[in-house]
């Protein structure tokens, strides 16, 4: 175990920041709700590295990635139709299951 504590904790007050619009703040609050305290403070911790400097760099990188991911709008799924090969595969698997179940039935014609 390390004798020296190298843990870094980044605290970011979402409500007090002037870097983001109110809309962006709300988006971050909704998407990162599990990481945010009741006082609207985002807390990120790193203690995996042996040096405090490396942990600080790691926490900063985590922070920027989290914010970027939270503010990136989700792409809406475009519905597509199943391909002919996927339909054929599904029907083939269905036929195999049906045959398997038919073999399990008990025959009383002895």
PDB file of N, CA and C in Angstrom:
ATOM      1  N   UNK A   1       0.835  -1.178   0.000  1.00  0.00           N
ATOM      2  CA  UNK A   1       0.000   0.000   0.000  1.00  0.00           C
ATOM      3  C   UNK A   1       0.883   1.246   0.000  1.00  0.00           C
ATOM      4  N   UNK A   2       0.453   2.271  -0.719  1.00  0.00           N
ATOM      5  CA  UNK A   2       1.222   3.516  -0.773  1.00  0.00           C
ATOM      6  C   UNK A   2       1.216   4.210   0.582  1.00  0.00           C
ATOM      7  N   UNK A   3       2.357   4.760   0.940  1.00  0.00           N
ATOM      8  CA  UNK A   3       2.439   5.506   2.186  1.00  0.00           C
ATOM      9  C   UNK A   3       1.946   6.930   1.992  1.00  0.00           C
ATOM     10  N   UNK A   4       2.039   7.417   0.772  1.00  0.00           N
ATOM     11  CA  UNK A   4       1.630   8.784   0.462  1.00  0.00           C
ATOM     12  C   UNK A   4       0.331   8.749  -0.328  1.00  0.00           C
ATOM     13  N   UNK A   5      -0.617   9.584   0.059  1.00  0.00           N
ATOM     14  CA  UNK A   5      -1.892   9.639  -0.653  1.00  0.00           C
ATOM     15  C   UNK A   5      -1.728  10.471  -1.917  1.00  0.00           C
ATOM     16  N   UNK A   6      -2.015   9.866  -3.058  1.00  0.00           N
ATOM     17  CA  UNK A   6      -1.882  10.578  -4.333  1.00  0.00           C
ATOM     18  C   UNK A   6      -3.234  10.781  -4.988  1.00  0.00           C
ATOM     19  N   UNK A   7      -4.286  10.521  -4.253  1.00  0.00           N
ATOM     20  CA  UNK A   7      -5.647  10.643  -4.770  1.00  0.00           C
ATOM     21  C   UNK A   7      -5.969  12.097  -5.116  1.00  0.00           C
ATOM     22  N   UNK A   8      -6.623  12.261  -6.265  1.00  0.00           N
ATOM     23  CA  UNK A   8      -7.058  13.587  -6.703  1.00  0.00           C
ATOM     24  C   UNK A   8      -8.574  13.552  -6.863  1.00  0.00           C
ATOM     25  N   UNK A   9      -9.219  14.587  -6.369  1.00  0.00           N
ATOM     26  CA  UNK A   9     -10.666  14.700  -6.475  1.00  0.00           C
ATOM     27  C   UNK A   9     -10.993  16.031  -7.140  1.00  0.00           C
ATOM     28  N   UNK A  10     -11.660  15.948  -8.295  1.00  0.00           N
ATOM     29  CA  UNK A  10     -12.052  17.159  -9.007  1.00  0.00           C
ATOM     30  C   UNK A  10     -13.497  17.459  -8.660  1.00  0.00           C
ATOM     31  N   UNK A  11     -13.754  18.691  -8.225  1.00  0.00           N
ATOM     32  CA  UNK A  11     -15.116  19.126  -7.909  1.00  0.00           C
ATOM     33  C   UNK A  11     -15.467  20.280  -8.839  1.00  0.00           C
ATOM     34  N   UNK A  12     -16.575  20.120  -9.570  1.00  0.00           N
ATOM     35  CA  UNK A  12     -17.001  21.122 -10.545  1.00  0.00           C
ATOM     36  C   UNK A  12     -18.414  21.556 -10.203  1.00  0.00           C
ATOM     37  N   UNK A  13     -18.573  22.822  -9.851  1.00  0.00           N
ATOM     38  CA  UNK A  13     -19.884  23.363  -9.501  1.00  0.00           C
ATOM     39  C   UNK A  13     -20.620  23.740 -10.789  1.00  0.00           C
ATOM     40  N   UNK A  14     -21.597  22.936 -11.146  1.00  0.00           N
ATOM     41  CA  UNK A  14     -22.314  23.129 -12.411  1.00  0.00           C
ATOM     42  C   UNK A  14     -23.152  24.406 -12.384  1.00  0.00           C
ATOM     43  N   UNK A  15     -23.802  24.664 -11.260  1.00  0.00           N
ATOM     44  CA  UNK A  15     -24.685  25.827 -11.169  1.00  0.00           C
ATOM     45  C   UNK A  15     -23.920  27.144 -11.251  1.00  0.00           C
ATOM     46  N   UNK A  16     -22.695  27.181 -10.724  1.00  0.00           N
ATOM     47  CA  UNK A  16     -21.937  28.432 -10.660  1.00  0.00           C
ATOM     48  C   UNK A  16     -21.115  28.721 -11.921  1.00  0.00           C
ATOM     49  N   UNK A  17     -20.947  27.746 -12.794  1.00  0.00           N
ATOM     50  CA  UNK A  17     -20.099  27.952 -13.966  1.00  0.00           C
ATOM     51  C   UNK A  17     -20.732  28.931 -14.958  1.00  0.00           C
ATOM     52  N   UNK A  18     -19.893  29.735 -15.564  1.00  0.00           N
ATOM     53  CA  UNK A  18     -20.357  30.701 -16.568  1.00  0.00           C
ATOM     54  C   UNK A  18     -19.942  30.265 -17.971  1.00  0.00           C
ATOM     55  N   UNK A  19     -19.277  29.108 -18.053  1.00  0.00           N
ATOM     56  CA  UNK A  19     -18.809  28.600 -19.344  1.00  0.00           C
ATOM     57  C   UNK A  19     -19.934  27.993 -20.173  1.00  0.00           C
ATOM     58  N   UNK A  20     -21.030  27.607 -19.504  1.00  0.00           N
ATOM     59  CA  UNK A  20     -22.102  26.893 -20.192  1.00  0.00           C
ATOM     60  C   UNK A  20     -23.420  27.649 -20.096  1.00  0.00           C
ATOM     61  N   UNK A  21     -24.270  27.394 -21.082  1.00  0.00           N
ATOM     62  CA  UNK A  21     -25.608  27.983 -21.061  1.00  0.00           C
ATOM     63  C   UNK A  21     -26.471  27.190 -20.076  1.00  0.00           C
ATOM     64  N   UNK A  22     -27.626  27.726 -19.735  1.00  0.00           N
ATOM     65  CA  UNK A  22     -28.538  27.036 -18.813  1.00  0.00           C
ATOM     66  C   UNK A  22     -29.010  25.713 -19.409  1.00  0.00           C
ATOM     67  N   UNK A  23     -29.199  25.702 -20.725  1.00  0.00           N
ATOM     68  CA  UNK A  23     -29.626  24.477 -21.411  1.00  0.00           C
ATOM     69  C   UNK A  23     -28.570  23.381 -21.283  1.00  0.00           C
ATOM     70  N   UNK A  24     -27.294  23.751 -21.473  1.00  0.00           N
ATOM     71  CA  UNK A  24     -26.195  22.790 -21.349  1.00  0.00           C
ATOM     72  C   UNK A  24     -26.079  22.288 -19.905  1.00  0.00           C
ATOM     73  N   UNK A  25     -26.270  23.171 -18.952  1.00  0.00           N
ATOM     74  CA  UNK A  25     -26.214  22.780 -17.540  1.00  0.00           C
ATOM     75  C   UNK A  25     -27.290  21.746 -17.226  1.00  0.00           C
ATOM     76  N   UNK A  26     -28.496  21.970 -17.731  1.00  0.00           N
ATOM     77  CA  UNK A  26     -29.594  21.033 -17.509  1.00  0.00           C
ATOM     78  C   UNK A  26     -29.297  19.679 -18.150  1.00  0.00           C
ATOM     79  N   UNK A  27     -28.733  19.712 -19.353  1.00  0.00           N
ATOM     80  CA  UNK A  27     -28.378  18.468 -20.048  1.00  0.00           C
ATOM     81  C   UNK A  27     -27.378  17.679 -19.223  1.00  0.00           C
ATOM     82  N   UNK A  28     -26.353  18.363 -18.717  1.00  0.00           N
ATOM     83  CA  UNK A  28     -25.329  17.700 -17.904  1.00  0.00           C
ATOM     84  C   UNK A  28     -25.949  17.154 -16.621  1.00  0.00           C
ATOM     85  N   UNK A  29     -26.810  17.924 -15.991  1.00  0.00           N
ATOM     86  CA  UNK A  29     -27.461  17.460 -14.758  1.00  0.00           C
ATOM     87  C   UNK A  29     -28.270  16.189 -15.010  1.00  0.00           C
ATOM     88  N   UNK A  30     -28.954  16.125 -16.141  1.00  0.00           N
ATOM     89  CA  UNK A  30     -29.773  14.957 -16.455  1.00  0.00           C
ATOM     90  C   UNK A  30     -28.928  13.741 -16.810  1.00  0.00           C
ATOM     91  N   UNK A  31     -27.914  13.932 -17.639  1.00  0.00           N
ATOM     92  CA  UNK A  31     -27.134  12.796 -18.126  1.00  0.00           C
ATOM     93  C   UNK A  31     -26.111  12.286 -17.114  1.00  0.00           C
ATOM     94  N   UNK A  32     -25.619  13.157 -16.246  1.00  0.00           N
ATOM     95  CA  UNK A  32     -24.616  12.749 -15.251  1.00  0.00           C
ATOM     96  C   UNK A  32     -25.197  12.773 -13.838  1.00  0.00           C
ATOM     97  N   UNK A  33     -26.485  12.516 -13.718  1.00  0.00           N
ATOM     98  CA  UNK A  33     -27.178  12.622 -12.430  1.00  0.00           C
ATOM     99  C   UNK A  33     -26.551  11.753 -11.337  1.00  0.00           C
ATOM    100  N   UNK A  34     -26.046  10.597 -11.689  1.00  0.00           N
ATOM    101  CA  UNK A  34     -25.455   9.695 -10.688  1.00  0.00           C
ATOM    102  C   UNK A  34     -24.143  10.219 -10.120  1.00  0.00           C
ATOM    103  N   UNK A  35     -23.468  11.068 -10.845  1.00  0.00           N
ATOM    104  CA  UNK A  35     -22.169  11.590 -10.402  1.00  0.00           C
ATOM    105  C   UNK A  35     -22.288  12.952  -9.729  1.00  0.00           C
ATOM    106  N   UNK A  36     -23.491  13.514  -9.695  1.00  0.00           N
ATOM    107  CA  UNK A  36     -23.678  14.868  -9.194  1.00  0.00           C
ATOM    108  C   UNK A  36     -24.332  14.824  -7.815  1.00  0.00           C
ATOM    109  N   UNK A  37     -23.821  15.661  -6.897  1.00  0.00           N
ATOM    110  CA  UNK A  37     -24.374  15.730  -5.549  1.00  0.00           C
ATOM    111  C   UNK A  37     -25.641  16.574  -5.543  1.00  0.00           C
ATOM    112  N   UNK A  38     -26.294  16.646  -4.397  1.00  0.00           N
ATOM    113  CA  UNK A  38     -27.516  17.446  -4.266  1.00  0.00           C
ATOM    114  C   UNK A  38     -27.224  18.934  -4.433  1.00  0.00           C
ATOM    115  N   UNK A  39     -25.984  19.329  -4.190  1.00  0.00           N
ATOM    116  CA  UNK A  39     -25.589  20.737  -4.335  1.00  0.00           C
ATOM    117  C   UNK A  39     -25.144  21.067  -5.761  1.00  0.00           C
ATOM    118  N   UNK A  40     -25.419  20.184  -6.719  1.00  0.00           N
ATOM    119  CA  UNK A  40     -25.049  20.348  -8.135  1.00  0.00           C
ATOM    120  C   UNK A  40     -23.539  20.420  -8.342  1.00  0.00           C
ATOM    121  N   UNK A  41     -22.807  19.589  -7.624  1.00  0.00           N
ATOM    122  CA  UNK A  41     -21.354  19.534  -7.786  1.00  0.00           C
ATOM    123  C   UNK A  41     -20.990  18.177  -8.386  1.00  0.00           C
ATOM    124  N   UNK A  42     -20.298  18.231  -9.514  1.00  0.00           N
ATOM    125  CA  UNK A  42     -19.826  17.026 -10.192  1.00  0.00           C
ATOM    126  C   UNK A  42     -18.500  16.624  -9.548  1.00  0.00           C
ATOM    127  N   UNK A  43     -18.402  15.387  -9.082  1.00  0.00           N
ATOM    128  CA  UNK A  43     -17.187  14.922  -8.416  1.00  0.00           C
ATOM    129  C   UNK A  43     -16.580  13.788  -9.232  1.00  0.00           C
ATOM    130  N   UNK A  44     -15.293  13.945  -9.565  1.00  0.00           N
ATOM    131  CA  UNK A  44     -14.557  12.912 -10.297  1.00  0.00           C
ATOM    132  C   UNK A  44     -13.279  12.631  -9.506  1.00  0.00           C
ATOM    133  N   UNK A  45     -12.966  11.349  -9.313  1.00  0.00           N
ATOM    134  CA  UNK A  45     -11.830  10.953  -8.482  1.00  0.00           C
ATOM    135  C   UNK A  45     -10.895  10.057  -9.281  1.00  0.00           C
ATOM    136  N   UNK A  46      -9.590  10.198  -9.011  1.00  0.00           N
ATOM    137  CA  UNK A  46      -8.600   9.302  -9.594  1.00  0.00           C
ATOM    138  C   UNK A  46      -7.530   9.019  -8.556  1.00  0.00           C
ATOM    139  N   UNK A  47      -7.235   7.725  -8.370  1.00  0.00           N
ATOM    140  CA  UNK A  47      -6.172   7.342  -7.451  1.00  0.00           C
ATOM    141  C   UNK A  47      -5.399   6.141  -7.976  1.00  0.00           C
ATOM    142  N   UNK A  48      -5.487   5.910  -9.277  1.00  0.00           N
ATOM    143  CA  UNK A  48      -4.871   4.728  -9.864  1.00  0.00           C
ATOM    144  C   UNK A  48      -3.364   4.874 -10.094  1.00  0.00           C
ATOM    145  N   UNK A  49      -2.902   6.097 -10.273  1.00  0.00           N
ATOM    146  CA  UNK A  49      -1.477   6.319 -10.547  1.00  0.00           C
ATOM    147  C   UNK A  49      -0.706   6.545  -9.254  1.00  0.00           C
ATOM    148  N   UNK A  50       0.616   6.409  -9.341  1.00  0.00           N
ATOM    149  CA  UNK A  50       1.449   6.576  -8.154  1.00  0.00           C
ATOM    150  C   UNK A  50       1.790   8.034  -7.867  1.00  0.00           C
ATOM    151  N   UNK A  51       1.728   8.863  -8.898  1.00  0.00           N
ATOM    152  CA  UNK A  51       2.048  10.272  -8.665  1.00  0.00           C
ATOM    153  C   UNK A  51       0.785  11.121  -8.738  1.00  0.00           C
ATOM    154  N   UNK A  52       0.774  12.156  -7.914  1.00  0.00           N
ATOM    155  CA  UNK A  52      -0.378  13.044  -7.876  1.00  0.00           C
ATOM    156  C   UNK A  52      -0.534  13.775  -9.208  1.00  0.00           C
ATOM    157  N   UNK A  53       0.555  14.098  -9.846  1.00  0.00           N
ATOM    158  CA  UNK A  53       0.535  14.789 -11.140  1.00  0.00           C
ATOM    159  C   UNK A  53      -0.184  13.931 -12.186  1.00  0.00           C
ATOM    160  N   UNK A  54       0.150  12.640 -12.230  1.00  0.00           N
ATOM    161  CA  UNK A  54      -0.493  11.741 -13.199  1.00  0.00           C
ATOM    162  C   UNK A  54      -1.989  11.598 -12.915  1.00  0.00           C
ATOM    163  N   UNK A  55      -2.337  11.527 -11.628  1.00  0.00           N
ATOM    164  CA  UNK A  55      -3.755  11.445 -11.262  1.00  0.00           C
ATOM    165  C   UNK A  55      -4.495  12.720 -11.647  1.00  0.00           C
ATOM    166  N   UNK A  56      -3.816  13.847 -11.521  1.00  0.00           N
ATOM    167  CA  UNK A  56      -4.438  15.123 -11.882  1.00  0.00           C
ATOM    168  C   UNK A  56      -4.714  15.157 -13.381  1.00  0.00           C
ATOM    169  N   UNK A  57      -3.750  14.693 -14.166  1.00  0.00           N
ATOM    170  CA  UNK A  57      -3.929  14.644 -15.619  1.00  0.00           C
ATOM    171  C   UNK A  57      -5.069  13.696 -15.994  1.00  0.00           C
ATOM    172  N   UNK A  58      -5.145  12.557 -15.298  1.00  0.00           N
ATOM    173  CA  UNK A  58      -6.181  11.573 -15.573  1.00  0.00           C
ATOM    174  C   UNK A  58      -7.573  12.109 -15.239  1.00  0.00           C
ATOM    175  N   UNK A  59      -7.694  12.808 -14.110  1.00  0.00           N
ATOM    176  CA  UNK A  59      -8.971  13.380 -13.698  1.00  0.00           C
ATOM    177  C   UNK A  59      -9.422  14.443 -14.692  1.00  0.00           C
ATOM    178  N   UNK A  60      -8.495  15.268 -15.132  1.00  0.00           N
ATOM    179  CA  UNK A  60      -8.825  16.316 -16.100  1.00  0.00           C
ATOM    180  C   UNK A  60      -9.320  15.704 -17.402  1.00  0.00           C
ATOM    181  N   UNK A  61      -8.638  14.672 -17.848  1.00  0.00           N
ATOM    182  CA  UNK A  61      -9.038  13.986 -19.086  1.00  0.00           C
ATOM    183  C   UNK A  61     -10.422  13.360 -18.935  1.00  0.00           C
ATOM    184  N   UNK A  62     -10.676  12.701 -17.796  1.00  0.00           N
ATOM    185  CA  UNK A  62     -11.992  12.108 -17.517  1.00  0.00           C
ATOM    186  C   UNK A  62     -13.088  13.174 -17.547  1.00  0.00           C
ATOM    187  N   UNK A  63     -12.780  14.320 -16.933  1.00  0.00           N
ATOM    188  CA  UNK A  63     -13.748  15.414 -16.856  1.00  0.00           C
ATOM    189  C   UNK A  63     -14.138  15.893 -18.253  1.00  0.00           C
ATOM    190  N   UNK A  64     -13.138  16.163 -19.094  1.00  0.00           N
ATOM    191  CA  UNK A  64     -13.430  16.654 -20.445  1.00  0.00           C
ATOM    192  C   UNK A  64     -14.204  15.622 -21.263  1.00  0.00           C
ATOM    193  N   UNK A  65     -13.856  14.338 -21.112  1.00  0.00           N
ATOM    194  CA  UNK A  65     -14.573  13.286 -21.843  1.00  0.00           C
ATOM    195  C   UNK A  65     -16.027  13.191 -21.390  1.00  0.00           C
ATOM    196  N   UNK A  66     -16.250  13.260 -20.068  1.00  0.00           N
ATOM    197  CA  UNK A  66     -17.612  13.198 -19.544  1.00  0.00           C
ATOM    198  C   UNK A  66     -18.468  14.350 -20.051  1.00  0.00           C
ATOM    199  N   UNK A  67     -17.919  15.561 -19.993  1.00  0.00           N
ATOM    200  CA  UNK A  67     -18.664  16.738 -20.442  1.00  0.00           C
ATOM    201  C   UNK A  67     -18.953  16.644 -21.932  1.00  0.00           C
ATOM    202  N   UNK A  68     -17.943  16.233 -22.712  1.00  0.00           N
ATOM    203  CA  UNK A  68     -18.119  16.114 -24.165  1.00  0.00           C
ATOM    204  C   UNK A  68     -19.195  15.077 -24.498  1.00  0.00           C
ATOM    205  N   UNK A  69     -19.145  13.933 -23.804  1.00  0.00           N
ATOM    206  CA  UNK A  69     -20.118  12.873 -24.065  1.00  0.00           C
ATOM    207  C   UNK A  69     -21.523  13.313 -23.665  1.00  0.00           C
ATOM    208  N   UNK A  70     -21.636  14.023 -22.547  1.00  0.00           N
ATOM    209  CA  UNK A  70     -22.948  14.471 -22.069  1.00  0.00           C
ATOM    210  C   UNK A  70     -23.559  15.511 -23.005  1.00  0.00           C
ATOM    211  N   UNK A  71     -22.723  16.351 -23.605  1.00  0.00           N
ATOM    212  CA  UNK A  71     -23.235  17.419 -24.459  1.00  0.00           C
ATOM    213  C   UNK A  71     -23.392  17.013 -25.925  1.00  0.00           C
ATOM    214  N   UNK A  72     -22.911  15.820 -26.279  1.00  0.00           N
ATOM    215  CA  UNK A  72     -23.073  15.326 -27.647  1.00  0.00           C
ATOM    216  C   UNK A  72     -24.492  14.799 -27.811  1.00  0.00           C
ATOM    217  N   UNK A  73     -25.248  15.347 -28.766  1.00  0.00           N
ATOM    218  CA  UNK A  73     -26.626  14.871 -28.942  1.00  0.00           C
ATOM    219  C   UNK A  73     -26.652  13.430 -29.455  1.00  0.00           C
ATOM    220  N   UNK A  74     -27.619  12.660 -28.966  1.00  0.00           N
ATOM    221  CA  UNK A  74     -27.745  11.268 -29.389  1.00  0.00           C
ATOM    222  C   UNK A  74     -28.342  11.205 -30.780  1.00  0.00           C
ATOM    223  N   UNK A  75     -27.796  10.312 -31.601  1.00  0.00           N
ATOM    224  CA  UNK A  75     -28.321  10.123 -32.946  1.00  0.00           C
ATOM    225  C   UNK A  75     -29.587   9.289 -32.856  1.00  0.00           C
ATOM    226  N   UNK A  76     -30.597   9.684 -33.613  1.00  0.00           N
ATOM    227  CA  UNK A  76     -31.834   8.925 -33.629  1.00  0.00           C
ATOM    228  C   UNK A  76     -31.687   7.743 -34.572  1.00  0.00           C
ATOM    229  N   UNK A  77     -32.247   6.621 -34.167  1.00  0.00           N
ATOM    230  CA  UNK A  77     -32.162   5.408 -34.963  1.00  0.00           C
ATOM    231  C   UNK A  77     -33.095   5.498 -36.156  1.00  0.00           C
ATOM    232  N   UNK A  78     -32.552   5.155 -37.312  1.00  0.00           N
ATOM    233  CA  UNK A  78     -33.371   5.097 -38.518  1.00  0.00           C
ATOM    234  C   UNK A  78     -33.880   3.669 -38.659  1.00  0.00           C
ATOM    235  N   UNK A  79     -35.182   3.478 -38.661  1.00  0.00           N
ATOM    236  CA  UNK A  79     -35.699   2.109 -38.770  1.00  0.00           C
ATOM    237  C   UNK A  79     -35.397   1.516 -40.145  1.00  0.00           C
ATOM    238  N   UNK A  80     -34.953   0.271 -40.143  1.00  0.00           N
ATOM    239  CA  UNK A  80     -34.648  -0.417 -41.403  1.00  0.00           C
ATOM    240  C   UNK A  80     -35.422  -1.724 -41.457  1.00  0.00           C
ATOM    241  N   UNK A  81     -35.602  -2.230 -42.651  1.00  0.00           N
ATOM    242  CA  UNK A  81     -36.290  -3.507 -42.832  1.00  0.00           C
ATOM    243  C   UNK A  81     -35.264  -4.630 -42.775  1.00  0.00           C
ATOM    244  N   UNK A  82     -35.689  -5.812 -42.313  1.00  0.00           N
ATOM    245  CA  UNK A  82     -34.755  -6.944 -42.279  1.00  0.00           C
ATOM    246  C   UNK A  82     -34.374  -7.391 -43.693  1.00  0.00           C
ATOM    247  N   UNK A  83     -33.136  -7.822 -43.837  1.00  0.00           N
ATOM    248  CA  UNK A  83     -32.655  -8.270 -45.145  1.00  0.00           C
ATOM    249  C   UNK A  83     -33.224  -9.646 -45.471  1.00  0.00           C
ATOM    250  N   UNK A  84     -33.138 -10.013 -46.724  1.00  0.00           N
ATOM    251  CA  UNK A  84     -33.653 -11.314 -47.162  1.00  0.00           C
ATOM    252  C   UNK A  84     -32.896 -12.446 -46.475  1.00  0.00           C
ATOM    253  N   UNK A  85     -31.581 -12.291 -46.329  1.00  0.00           N
ATOM    254  CA  UNK A  85     -30.791 -13.352 -45.696  1.00  0.00           C
ATOM    255  C   UNK A  85     -31.132 -13.487 -44.210  1.00  0.00           C
ATOM    256  N   UNK A  86     -31.405 -12.364 -43.522  1.00  0.00           N
ATOM    257  CA  UNK A  86     -31.764 -12.452 -42.107  1.00  0.00           C
ATOM    258  C   UNK A  86     -33.128 -13.110 -41.935  1.00  0.00           C
ATOM    259  N   UNK A  87     -34.046 -12.843 -42.859  1.00  0.00           N
ATOM    260  CA  UNK A  87     -35.361 -13.501 -42.818  1.00  0.00           C
ATOM    261  C   UNK A  87     -35.201 -15.004 -43.009  1.00  0.00           C
ATOM    262  N   UNK A  88     -34.382 -15.379 -44.006  1.00  0.00           N
ATOM    263  CA  UNK A  88     -34.166 -16.799 -44.304  1.00  0.00           C
ATOM    264  C   UNK A  88     -33.519 -17.499 -43.108  1.00  0.00           C
ATOM    265  N   UNK A  89     -32.565 -16.857 -42.485  1.00  0.00           N
ATOM    266  CA  UNK A  89     -31.871 -17.431 -41.328  1.00  0.00           C
ATOM    267  C   UNK A  89     -32.847 -17.627 -40.168  1.00  0.00           C
ATOM    268  N   UNK A  90     -33.702 -16.638 -39.932  1.00  0.00           N
ATOM    269  CA  UNK A  90     -34.694 -16.726 -38.855  1.00  0.00           C
ATOM    270  C   UNK A  90     -35.642 -17.894 -39.092  1.00  0.00           C
ATOM    271  N   UNK A  91     -36.118 -18.038 -40.330  1.00  0.00           N
ATOM    272  CA  UNK A  91     -37.041 -19.130 -40.649  1.00  0.00           C
ATOM    273  C   UNK A  91     -36.367 -20.493 -40.514  1.00  0.00           C
ATOM    274  N   UNK A  92     -35.104 -20.557 -40.897  1.00  0.00           N
ATOM    275  CA  UNK A  92     -34.358 -21.816 -40.790  1.00  0.00           C
ATOM    276  C   UNK A  92     -34.200 -22.216 -39.322  1.00  0.00           C
ATOM    277  N   UNK A  93     -33.846 -21.249 -38.475  1.00  0.00           N
ATOM    278  CA  UNK A  93     -33.702 -21.516 -37.042  1.00  0.00           C
ATOM    279  C   UNK A  93     -35.036 -21.927 -36.428  1.00  0.00           C
ATOM    280  N   UNK A  94     -36.105 -21.306 -36.899  1.00  0.00           N
ATOM    281  CA  UNK A  94     -37.443 -21.625 -36.419  1.00  0.00           C
ATOM    282  C   UNK A  94     -37.812 -23.072 -36.774  1.00  0.00           C
ATOM    283  N   UNK A  95     -37.451 -23.493 -37.983  1.00  0.00           N
ATOM    284  CA  UNK A  95     -37.732 -24.856 -38.445  1.00  0.00           C
ATOM    285  C   UNK A  95     -36.952 -25.870 -37.616  1.00  0.00           C
ATOM    286  N   UNK A  96     -35.697 -25.565 -37.316  1.00  0.00           N
ATOM    287  CA  UNK A  96     -34.857 -26.465 -36.511  1.00  0.00           C
ATOM    288  C   UNK A  96     -35.460 -26.631 -35.116  1.00  0.00           C
ATOM    289  N   UNK A  97     -35.912 -25.523 -34.509  1.00  0.00           N
ATOM    290  CA  UNK A  97     -36.541 -25.591 -33.179  1.00  0.00           C
ATOM    291  C   UNK A  97     -37.816 -26.424 -33.224  1.00  0.00           C
ATOM    292  N   UNK A  98     -38.601 -26.248 -34.282  1.00  0.00           N
ATOM    293  CA  UNK A  98     -39.856 -26.991 -34.416  1.00  0.00           C
ATOM    294  C   UNK A  98     -39.586 -28.494 -34.516  1.00  0.00           C
ATOM    295  N   UNK A  99     -38.567 -28.873 -35.293  1.00  0.00           N
ATOM    296  CA  UNK A  99     -38.206 -30.291 -35.436  1.00  0.00           C
ATOM    297  C   UNK A  99     -37.738 -30.866 -34.101  1.00  0.00           C
ATOM    298  N   UNK A 100     -36.959 -30.087 -33.366  1.00  0.00           N
ATOM    299  CA  UNK A 100     -36.451 -30.514 -32.066  1.00  0.00           C
ATOM    300  C   UNK A 100     -37.611 -30.786 -31.107  1.00  0.00           C
ATOM    301  N   UNK A 101     -38.598 -29.903 -31.107  1.00  0.00           N
ATOM    302  CA  UNK A 101     -39.743 -30.055 -30.217  1.00  0.00           C
ATOM    303  C   UNK A 101     -40.642 -31.209 -30.661  1.00  0.00           C
ATOM    304  N   UNK A 102     -40.724 -31.423 -31.963  1.00  0.00           N
ATOM    305  CA  UNK A 102     -41.543 -32.526 -32.481  1.00  0.00           C
ATOM    306  C   UNK A 102     -40.952 -33.877 -32.051  1.00  0.00           C
ATOM    307  N   UNK A 103     -39.626 -33.970 -31.976  1.00  0.00           N
ATOM    308  CA  UNK A 103     -38.973 -35.206 -31.553  1.00  0.00           C
ATOM    309  C   UNK A 103     -39.184 -35.485 -30.062  1.00  0.00           C
ATOM    310  N   UNK A 104     -39.475 -34.450 -29.294  1.00  0.00           N
ATOM    311  CA  UNK A 104     -39.686 -34.615 -27.842  1.00  0.00           C
ATOM    312  C   UNK A 104     -41.063 -35.193 -27.518  1.00  0.00           C
ATOM    313  N   UNK A 105     -41.996 -35.075 -28.442  1.00  0.00           N
ATOM    314  CA  UNK A 105     -43.358 -35.546 -28.187  1.00  0.00           C
ATOM    315  C   UNK A 105     -43.375 -37.064 -28.030  1.00  0.00           C
ATOM    316  N   UNK A 106     -44.184 -37.506 -27.089  1.00  0.00           N
ATOM    317  CA  UNK A 106     -44.285 -38.938 -26.827  1.00  0.00           C
ATOM    318  C   UNK A 106     -45.290 -39.548 -27.799  1.00  0.00           C
ATOM    319  N   UNK A 107     -44.934 -40.669 -28.378  1.00  0.00           N
ATOM    320  CA  UNK A 107     -45.820 -41.341 -29.324  1.00  0.00           C
ATOM    321  C   UNK A 107     -46.466 -42.531 -28.614  1.00  0.00           C
ATOM    322  N   UNK A 108     -47.798 -42.665 -28.680  1.00  0.00           N
ATOM    323  CA  UNK A 108     -48.529 -43.753 -28.039  1.00  0.00           C
ATOM    324  C   UNK A 108     -48.988 -44.790 -29.072  1.00  0.00           C
ATOM    325  N   UNK A 109     -48.402 -44.842 -30.227  1.00  0.00           N
ATOM    326  CA  UNK A 109     -48.843 -45.738 -31.301  1.00  0.00           C
ATOM    327  C   UNK A 109     -48.184 -47.105 -31.258  1.00  0.00           C
ATOM    328  N   UNK A 110     -47.603 -47.493 -30.177  1.00  0.00           N
ATOM    329  CA  UNK A 110     -46.903 -48.790 -30.100  1.00  0.00           C
ATOM    330  C   UNK A 110     -47.794 -49.955 -30.179  1.00  0.00           C
TER     331      UNK A 110
END
